[in-house]
Amino acid sequence: MSERLPAGACPTTRVGLPEGTLVITDLHLAPLGDERTRRFVQLCDQLEGVPALICLGDLFDMWVCRRQASMEGSTPVLDAFERLVRRGTEVHLVPGNRDALIGAWFEKRTGGRLHRDGFVGELEGGARAVFVHGDALCTRDMSYLRLRSLWRFWPVRLISWMAPMWFARRVGSRLRGLSESTKPIKLADEKAIQPDAVRRVAREVGASALACGHAHDVRDETLGEGDDPLRWIVVGAWEWELDLLRIGKAGSLELDSWATIGVR
């Protein structure tokens, strides 16, 4: 019997994605800032002629309150996105499990678009691909899915909007510690993205491919056989091997890296 898909697993928003669009995920940047944060800002400022940049979640390693937007590591990243938008690059952010509480303020702050449940990409040539973080596809990890439903509860999101910084830091530290402590006691299959969930989400929206992050390890495989195969791509975490997905000619999806597209 297939596990039930959680609320928000099947995106409904559709976005046209032209050739040259770049997809990244799982940067886990520090809100307080560090060398990796500085490096990412530098990479963003080097992008020229890129029609769209998509981040499939966990942009920040922790996000529990709107006031984090003014922290030393957050502000430069948001400013870099704003500069990208001004140069003509669309910025699309799909929140992940670490930064699920990033809210609609992101759009006003950066000029980018926030897709809470991911979106369906309309590719050149008429194909469709689903773009999600991937945590909702871990349908056997019931303890995490309960926590995920909590993030979606409107009183929790209201608290996140109003909470003072000291509260955010304390709660964020506790939640991160809890998350790390439970990882070793969960079975690998329990934590994993389930192929059946991937198939069900893609079929629900009529897509021939699904791209996600969350797992960190690169994957590019075909699910199903015959005349209706489904391509499943897991983009690698930033600074790992093949940490970039690029949309090529005729809507092709190509795993790549920053170095090969001329950004160093």
Protein backbone atom coordinates (compact mmCIF):
# COMPACT_ATOMS: atom_id res chain seq x y z
CA MET A 1 0.00 0.00 0.00
CA SER A 2 1.36 3.44 -0.96
CA GLU A 3 1.98 5.96 1.80
CA ARG A 4 -0.28 8.98 1.76
CA LEU A 5 1.15 12.15 0.24
CA PRO A 6 1.25 15.03 2.74
CA ALA A 7 -0.52 18.34 2.17
CA GLY A 8 1.27 20.51 -0.37
CA ALA A 9 3.17 17.64 -1.98
CA CYS A 10 1.66 18.32 -5.42
CA PRO A 11 2.37 21.88 -6.61
CA THR A 12 -0.21 23.75 -8.63
CA THR A 13 1.69 26.89 -9.72
CA ARG A 14 3.12 26.80 -13.23
CA VAL A 15 6.17 28.74 -14.39
CA GLY A 16 7.62 29.05 -17.88
CA LEU A 17 11.34 28.21 -17.83
CA PRO A 18 13.49 29.21 -20.82
CA GLU A 19 16.80 27.77 -21.95
CA GLY A 20 19.67 28.76 -19.67
CA THR A 21 17.71 28.56 -16.41
CA LEU A 22 19.88 27.36 -13.50
CA VAL A 23 18.67 25.24 -10.57
CA ILE A 24 20.53 24.93 -7.26
CA THR A 25 19.61 23.50 -3.88
CA ASP A 26 20.71 22.80 -0.32
CA LEU A 27 23.17 25.63 0.19
CA HIS A 28 22.64 25.63 3.98
CA LEU A 29 24.04 29.14 4.32
CA ALA A 30 24.65 30.46 7.82
CA PRO A 31 22.32 33.36 8.79
CA LEU A 32 25.24 34.80 10.78
CA GLY A 33 27.45 34.68 7.70
CA ASP A 34 30.64 32.80 6.84
CA GLU A 35 33.03 32.26 3.95
CA ARG A 36 30.55 30.06 2.08
CA THR A 37 27.94 32.82 2.27
CA ARG A 38 30.41 35.35 0.91
CA ARG A 39 31.32 32.94 -1.89
CA PHE A 40 27.69 32.43 -2.90
CA VAL A 41 27.07 36.18 -3.06
CA GLN A 42 30.14 36.48 -5.28
CA LEU A 43 28.84 33.75 -7.60
CA CYS A 44 25.45 35.45 -7.90
CA ASP A 45 27.14 38.71 -8.85
CA GLN A 46 29.03 36.92 -11.64
CA LEU A 47 25.89 35.60 -13.32
CA GLU A 48 25.14 37.41 -16.57
CA GLY A 49 22.51 36.57 -19.14
CA VAL A 50 20.87 33.90 -16.98
CA PRO A 51 17.09 34.08 -17.49
CA ALA A 52 16.19 32.45 -14.18
CA LEU A 53 17.83 31.13 -11.02
CA ILE A 54 15.88 28.57 -8.98
CA CYS A 55 16.75 27.46 -5.44
CA LEU A 56 14.98 24.26 -4.40
CA GLY A 57 15.17 24.84 -0.67
CA ASP A 58 17.46 24.91 2.34
CA LEU A 59 18.98 28.14 1.09
CA PHE A 60 19.68 28.86 4.76
CA ASP A 61 20.65 26.27 7.33
CA MET A 62 18.03 27.60 9.72
CA TRP A 63 15.14 30.04 9.39
CA VAL A 64 12.58 30.51 12.15
CA CYS A 65 11.72 34.21 12.10
CA ARG A 66 11.32 37.12 9.69
CA ARG A 67 13.81 39.23 11.63
CA GLN A 68 16.60 36.92 10.49
CA ALA A 69 16.48 38.88 7.23
CA SER A 70 18.58 41.53 8.95
CA MET A 71 21.27 39.13 10.20
CA GLU A 72 24.85 39.45 8.97
CA GLY A 73 24.68 36.43 6.67
CA SER A 74 21.12 36.84 5.43
CA THR A 75 21.22 40.45 4.24
CA PRO A 76 24.02 39.99 1.65
CA VAL A 77 22.23 36.97 0.14
CA LEU A 78 18.91 38.80 -0.14
CA ASP A 79 20.70 41.83 -1.59
CA ALA A 80 22.41 39.57 -4.18
CA PHE A 81 19.03 38.20 -5.25
CA GLU A 82 17.69 41.73 -5.57
CA ARG A 83 20.61 42.67 -7.80
CA LEU A 84 20.00 39.59 -9.94
CA VAL A 85 16.37 40.58 -10.43
CA ARG A 86 17.38 44.11 -11.39
CA ARG A 87 19.74 42.66 -14.02
CA GLY A 88 16.85 40.74 -15.55
CA THR A 89 17.22 37.31 -13.92
CA GLU A 90 14.08 35.82 -12.38
CA VAL A 91 14.70 34.38 -8.91
CA HIS A 92 12.49 31.52 -7.69
CA LEU A 93 12.74 30.12 -4.17
CA VAL A 94 11.14 26.89 -2.97
CA PRO A 95 11.49 26.69 0.84
CA GLY A 96 13.02 23.50 2.21
CA ASN A 97 12.78 21.78 5.56
CA ARG A 98 15.43 24.04 7.12
CA ASP A 99 13.91 27.31 5.91
CA ALA A 100 10.22 26.38 5.61
CA LEU A 101 9.19 29.53 7.49
CA ILE A 102 10.48 31.95 4.89
CA GLY A 103 7.36 33.92 4.03
CA ALA A 104 5.86 36.15 1.39
CA TRP A 105 8.03 39.06 2.56
CA PHE A 106 10.79 37.43 0.47
CA GLU A 107 9.09 38.59 -2.73
CA LYS A 108 8.86 42.23 -1.65
CA ARG A 109 12.41 42.19 -0.28
CA THR A 110 14.12 40.69 -3.35
CA GLY A 111 11.70 40.96 -6.28
CA GLY A 112 11.89 37.17 -6.59
CA ARG A 113 9.05 34.66 -6.33
CA LEU A 114 8.35 32.29 -3.45
CA HIS A 115 6.79 28.91 -4.19
CA ARG A 116 5.79 27.35 -0.89
CA ASP A 117 4.95 23.94 -2.39
CA GLY A 118 7.25 24.05 -5.40
CA PHE A 119 5.97 24.53 -8.94
CA VAL A 120 5.47 22.89 -12.31
CA GLY A 121 7.95 24.13 -14.89
CA GLU A 122 6.70 24.58 -18.45
CA LEU A 123 9.70 23.76 -20.64
CA GLU A 124 10.40 24.60 -24.25
CA GLY A 125 8.98 21.94 -26.54
CA GLY A 126 5.89 21.44 -24.38
CA ALA A 127 7.34 19.19 -21.68
CA ARG A 128 6.64 19.68 -17.98
CA ALA A 129 8.87 19.08 -14.98
CA VAL A 130 8.06 19.29 -11.27
CA PHE A 131 10.44 21.33 -9.10
CA VAL A 132 10.19 20.69 -5.33
CA HIS A 133 12.50 20.52 -2.34
CA GLY A 134 11.86 16.82 -1.81
CA ASP A 135 11.06 16.54 1.91
CA ALA A 136 7.36 15.91 1.22
CA LEU A 137 8.42 12.84 -0.78
CA CYS A 138 9.85 11.16 2.34
CA THR A 139 6.48 9.56 3.00
CA ARG A 140 7.77 6.93 5.45
CA ASP A 141 9.32 9.47 7.83
CA MET A 142 6.19 10.04 9.88
CA SER A 143 7.88 11.99 12.68
CA TYR A 144 9.25 14.51 10.20
CA LEU A 145 5.95 14.79 8.33
CA ARG A 146 4.23 15.67 11.60
CA LEU A 147 6.80 18.44 12.13
CA ARG A 148 6.29 19.56 8.53
CA SER A 149 2.56 19.92 9.10
CA LEU A 150 3.37 22.09 12.14
CA TRP A 151 5.36 24.53 9.95
CA ARG A 152 2.30 24.88 7.74
CA PHE A 153 -0.04 25.69 10.65
CA TRP A 154 -0.99 29.38 10.43
CA PRO A 155 -0.48 30.22 14.16
CA VAL A 156 3.10 28.94 13.89
CA ARG A 157 3.70 31.08 10.83
CA LEU A 158 2.21 34.09 12.63
CA ILE A 159 4.57 33.55 15.56
CA SER A 160 7.46 33.31 13.10
CA TRP A 161 6.44 36.68 11.65
CA MET A 162 6.26 38.40 15.05
CA ALA A 163 8.95 36.63 17.08
CA PRO A 164 11.90 38.64 18.47
CA MET A 165 15.42 37.68 17.45
CA TRP A 166 16.42 36.13 20.80
CA PHE A 167 13.44 33.81 20.59
CA ALA A 168 14.30 32.85 17.03
CA ARG A 169 17.88 31.96 17.91
CA ARG A 170 16.87 29.86 20.89
CA VAL A 171 14.13 27.96 19.05
CA GLY A 172 16.30 27.50 15.98
CA SER A 173 19.14 26.07 18.03
CA ARG A 174 16.80 23.65 19.81
CA LEU A 175 15.17 22.46 16.59
CA ARG A 176 18.48 21.95 14.84
CA GLY A 177 19.78 19.94 17.79
CA LEU A 178 16.64 17.81 17.80
CA SER A 179 16.92 17.17 14.08
CA GLU A 180 20.55 16.10 14.31
CA SER A 181 19.93 13.84 17.32
CA THR A 182 17.14 11.89 15.60
CA LYS A 183 18.98 11.22 12.33
CA PRO A 184 21.11 8.30 13.58
CA ILE A 185 18.13 6.39 15.01
CA LYS A 186 16.07 6.49 11.82
CA LEU A 187 16.42 3.71 9.26
CA ALA A 188 17.90 4.81 5.94
CA ASP A 189 14.77 3.81 4.02
CA GLU A 190 12.59 5.66 6.51
CA LYS A 191 14.44 8.93 5.85
CA ALA A 192 14.71 8.46 2.08
CA ILE A 193 12.70 10.01 -0.72
CA GLN A 194 10.30 7.31 -1.89
CA PRO A 195 10.25 6.59 -5.65
CA ASP A 196 6.54 5.81 -5.48
CA ALA A 197 5.89 9.31 -4.11
CA VAL A 198 7.98 10.79 -6.92
CA ARG A 199 5.89 8.94 -9.51
CA ARG A 200 2.59 9.93 -7.93
CA VAL A 201 3.42 13.64 -7.72
CA ALA A 202 4.69 13.77 -11.32
CA ARG A 203 1.67 11.89 -12.67
CA GLU A 204 -0.70 14.12 -10.70
CA VAL A 205 0.48 17.20 -12.60
CA GLY A 206 1.19 15.51 -15.93
CA ALA A 207 4.98 15.92 -15.79
CA SER A 208 7.62 13.76 -17.45
CA ALA A 209 10.35 14.70 -14.96
CA LEU A 210 10.76 15.66 -11.30
CA ALA A 211 13.73 17.58 -9.95
CA CYS A 212 14.39 18.00 -6.24
CA GLY A 213 17.07 18.41 -3.61
CA HIS A 214 16.94 17.42 0.07
CA ALA A 215 18.85 14.14 -0.30
CA HIS A 216 22.15 15.92 -1.16
CA ASP A 217 23.40 12.94 -3.19
CA VAL A 218 23.14 13.30 -6.97
CA ARG A 219 20.65 11.03 -8.72
CA ASP A 220 19.48 10.82 -12.32
CA GLU A 221 17.37 7.80 -13.12
CA THR A 222 14.28 6.67 -14.97
CA LEU A 223 11.28 5.39 -13.06
CA GLY A 224 8.87 3.16 -14.95
CA GLU A 225 9.14 1.44 -18.28
CA GLY A 226 7.53 1.49 -21.69
CA ASP A 227 6.15 4.56 -23.41
CA ASP A 228 5.63 6.65 -20.28
CA PRO A 229 8.93 6.83 -18.37
CA LEU A 230 9.55 9.39 -15.63
CA ARG A 231 12.92 11.04 -15.12
CA TRP A 232 13.87 11.66 -11.49
CA ILE A 233 16.74 14.05 -10.79
CA VAL A 234 18.19 14.89 -7.39
CA VAL A 235 20.45 17.93 -7.64
CA GLY A 236 23.53 17.74 -5.44
CA ALA A 237 24.00 20.00 -2.46
CA TRP A 238 25.93 23.15 -3.26
CA GLU A 239 29.70 22.62 -3.63
CA TRP A 240 29.20 18.91 -4.10
CA GLU A 241 29.72 17.12 -7.43
CA LEU A 242 27.14 18.13 -10.07
CA ASP A 243 25.64 20.80 -7.82
CA LEU A 244 23.70 22.49 -10.61
CA LEU A 245 20.85 21.64 -12.97
CA ARG A 246 20.71 23.57 -16.22
CA ILE A 247 17.82 23.78 -18.65
CA GLY A 248 19.21 23.34 -22.13
CA LYS A 249 17.88 23.45 -25.66
CA ALA A 250 14.35 22.17 -26.29
CA GLY A 251 13.74 21.95 -22.54
CA SER A 252 16.45 19.39 -21.81
CA LEU A 253 17.54 18.95 -18.17
CA GLU A 254 21.30 18.69 -17.75
CA LEU A 255 23.26 18.11 -14.55
CA ASP A 256 26.21 20.46 -14.46
CA SER A 257 28.47 22.43 -12.12
CA TRP A 258 29.30 26.08 -11.57
CA ALA A 259 32.78 25.68 -13.01
CA THR A 260 31.64 24.35 -16.38
CA ILE A 261 29.27 27.27 -16.97
CA GLY A 262 32.15 29.69 -16.51
CA VAL A 263 31.40 30.86 -12.95
CA ARG A 264 34.34 30.43 -10.57
